[in-house]
Amino acid sequence: MTTTYAVRVDEDIKNQAAEVARFYGLDLASVTRALWTQIARTRRIPLDFTDEEPNEESLEAIRETEEMIATGSGERYKTARELLDAAMAS
């Protein structure tokens, strides 16, 4: 037996969630069924309500990247292979 359940959600949040679901080849109904199935199977809610804060290394990388964008500095690569080769050489 199946049932229908209506959910009220902000349209922007729904659209963003749908985009993520599509990335994984799913629709929101499938994701919702999977979430409920996992809740029932594990007897817990598989969500993390903590804010993710970048660590200091990540913050430094963000600052460096913002500076490169602002000044137009930094290396440029024509292909992903050139980028990977440069990264591996470091």
C-alpha atoms as a PDB file:
ATOM      1  CA  MET A   1       0.000   0.000   0.000  1.00  0.00           C
ATOM      2  CA  THR A   2       1.307   3.486  -0.813  1.00  0.00           C
ATOM      3  CA  THR A   3       0.275   6.923   0.355  1.00  0.00           C
ATOM      4  CA  THR A   4       0.742  10.482  -0.825  1.00  0.00           C
ATOM      5  CA  TYR A   5       2.351  13.117   1.377  1.00  0.00           C
ATOM      6  CA  ALA A   6       2.480  16.842   0.547  1.00  0.00           C
ATOM      7  CA  VAL A   7       5.441  18.930   1.704  1.00  0.00           C
ATOM      8  CA  ARG A   8       5.554  22.717   1.903  1.00  0.00           C
ATOM      9  CA  VAL A   9       8.992  24.079   1.077  1.00  0.00           C
ATOM     10  CA  ASP A  10      10.465  27.322  -0.208  1.00  0.00           C
ATOM     11  CA  GLU A  11      10.566  27.198  -4.023  1.00  0.00           C
ATOM     12  CA  ASP A  12      14.233  28.245  -4.194  1.00  0.00           C
ATOM     13  CA  ILE A  13      15.232  25.465  -1.801  1.00  0.00           C
ATOM     14  CA  LYS A  14      13.158  22.961  -3.801  1.00  0.00           C
ATOM     15  CA  ASN A  15      14.822  24.047  -7.041  1.00  0.00           C
ATOM     16  CA  GLN A  16      18.318  23.815  -5.525  1.00  0.00           C
ATOM     17  CA  ALA A  17      17.555  20.370  -4.094  1.00  0.00           C
ATOM     18  CA  ALA A  18      16.147  19.236  -7.447  1.00  0.00           C
ATOM     19  CA  GLU A  19      19.375  20.340  -9.137  1.00  0.00           C
ATOM     20  CA  VAL A  20      21.431  18.218  -6.736  1.00  0.00           C
ATOM     21  CA  ALA A  21      19.084  15.260  -7.212  1.00  0.00           C
ATOM     22  CA  ARG A  22      19.369  15.558 -11.017  1.00  0.00           C
ATOM     23  CA  PHE A  23      23.163  15.547 -10.697  1.00  0.00           C
ATOM     24  CA  TYR A  24      22.817  12.068  -9.196  1.00  0.00           C
ATOM     25  CA  GLY A  25      20.266  10.993 -11.800  1.00  0.00           C
ATOM     26  CA  LEU A  26      17.324  11.204  -9.406  1.00  0.00           C
ATOM     27  CA  ASP A  27      14.189  13.262  -8.929  1.00  0.00           C
ATOM     28  CA  LEU A  28      12.968  14.738  -5.642  1.00  0.00           C
ATOM     29  CA  ALA A  29      10.305  12.047  -5.166  1.00  0.00           C
ATOM     30  CA  SER A  30      12.968   9.320  -5.399  1.00  0.00           C
ATOM     31  CA  VAL A  31      15.242  11.172  -2.972  1.00  0.00           C
ATOM     32  CA  THR A  32      12.365  11.635  -0.527  1.00  0.00           C
ATOM     33  CA  ARG A  33      11.447   7.930  -0.685  1.00  0.00           C
ATOM     34  CA  ALA A  34      15.110   6.997  -0.175  1.00  0.00           C
ATOM     35  CA  LEU A  35      15.358   9.322   2.840  1.00  0.00           C
ATOM     36  CA  TRP A  36      12.233   7.869   4.455  1.00  0.00           C
ATOM     37  CA  THR A  37      13.406   4.326   3.719  1.00  0.00           C
ATOM     38  CA  GLN A  38      16.744   5.015   5.375  1.00  0.00           C
ATOM     39  CA  ILE A  39      15.054   6.588   8.412  1.00  0.00           C
ATOM     40  CA  ALA A  40      12.860   3.503   8.794  1.00  0.00           C
ATOM     41  CA  ARG A  41      15.757   1.081   8.259  1.00  0.00           C
ATOM     42  CA  THR A  42      18.294   2.776  10.561  1.00  0.00           C
ATOM     43  CA  ARG A  43      15.860   4.242  13.104  1.00  0.00           C
ATOM     44  CA  ARG A  44      17.635   7.607  12.922  1.00  0.00           C
ATOM     45  CA  ILE A  45      17.489  10.806  10.869  1.00  0.00           C
ATOM     46  CA  PRO A  46      20.570  10.884   8.599  1.00  0.00           C
ATOM     47  CA  LEU A  47      21.054  14.648   8.637  1.00  0.00           C
ATOM     48  CA  ASP A  48      23.840  16.852   9.933  1.00  0.00           C
ATOM     49  CA  PHE A  49      22.637  20.133  11.422  1.00  0.00           C
ATOM     50  CA  THR A  50      26.061  21.592  12.150  1.00  0.00           C
ATOM     51  CA  ASP A  51      27.463  24.482  10.162  1.00  0.00           C
ATOM     52  CA  GLU A  52      30.474  23.458   8.143  1.00  0.00           C
ATOM     53  CA  GLU A  53      33.341  25.832   8.803  1.00  0.00           C
ATOM     54  CA  PRO A  54      36.420  25.702   6.600  1.00  0.00           C
ATOM     55  CA  ASN A  55      39.674  24.933   8.411  1.00  0.00           C
ATOM     56  CA  GLU A  56      42.583  27.384   8.394  1.00  0.00           C
ATOM     57  CA  GLU A  57      44.284  25.715   5.427  1.00  0.00           C
ATOM     58  CA  SER A  58      41.090  26.033   3.387  1.00  0.00           C
ATOM     59  CA  LEU A  59      40.611  29.655   4.466  1.00  0.00           C
ATOM     60  CA  GLU A  60      44.167  30.448   3.327  1.00  0.00           C
ATOM     61  CA  ALA A  61      43.515  28.772  -0.038  1.00  0.00           C
ATOM     62  CA  ILE A  62      40.324  30.818  -0.403  1.00  0.00           C
ATOM     63  CA  ARG A  63      42.211  34.037   0.360  1.00  0.00           C
ATOM     64  CA  GLU A  64      44.951  33.160  -2.146  1.00  0.00           C
ATOM     65  CA  THR A  65      42.389  32.364  -4.821  1.00  0.00           C
ATOM     66  CA  GLU A  66      40.470  35.587  -4.215  1.00  0.00           C
ATOM     67  CA  GLU A  67      43.736  37.541  -4.497  1.00  0.00           C
ATOM     68  CA  MET A  68      44.635  35.785  -7.761  1.00  0.00           C
ATOM     69  CA  ILE A  69      41.199  36.581  -9.187  1.00  0.00           C
ATOM     70  CA  ALA A  70      41.391  40.211  -8.087  1.00  0.00           C
ATOM     71  CA  THR A  71      44.897  40.769  -9.485  1.00  0.00           C
ATOM     72  CA  GLY A  72      44.692  38.475 -12.495  1.00  0.00           C
ATOM     73  CA  SER A  73      47.807  36.668 -11.313  1.00  0.00           C
ATOM     74  CA  GLY A  74      48.420  32.964 -11.083  1.00  0.00           C
ATOM     75  CA  GLU A  75      49.233  30.291 -13.593  1.00  0.00           C
ATOM     76  CA  ARG A  76      46.971  29.518 -16.533  1.00  0.00           C
ATOM     77  CA  TYR A  77      46.696  26.148 -18.207  1.00  0.00           C
ATOM     78  CA  LYS A  78      45.246  25.211 -21.583  1.00  0.00           C
ATOM     79  CA  THR A  79      44.233  21.706 -20.558  1.00  0.00           C
ATOM     80  CA  ALA A  80      43.384  19.776 -17.441  1.00  0.00           C
ATOM     81  CA  ARG A  81      46.423  17.585 -18.139  1.00  0.00           C
ATOM     82  CA  GLU A  82      48.728  20.638 -17.950  1.00  0.00           C
ATOM     83  CA  LEU A  83      47.110  21.628 -14.647  1.00  0.00           C
ATOM     84  CA  LEU A  84      47.496  18.125 -13.199  1.00  0.00           C
ATOM     85  CA  ASP A  85      51.106  17.882 -14.382  1.00  0.00           C
ATOM     86  CA  ALA A  86      51.900  21.215 -12.713  1.00  0.00           C
ATOM     87  CA  ALA A  87      50.161  20.142  -9.510  1.00  0.00           C
ATOM     88  CA  MET A  88      52.015  16.829  -9.409  1.00  0.00           C
ATOM     89  CA  ALA A  89      55.353  18.572  -9.979  1.00  0.00           C
ATOM     90  CA  SER A  90      54.884  20.731  -6.877  1.00  0.00           C
END
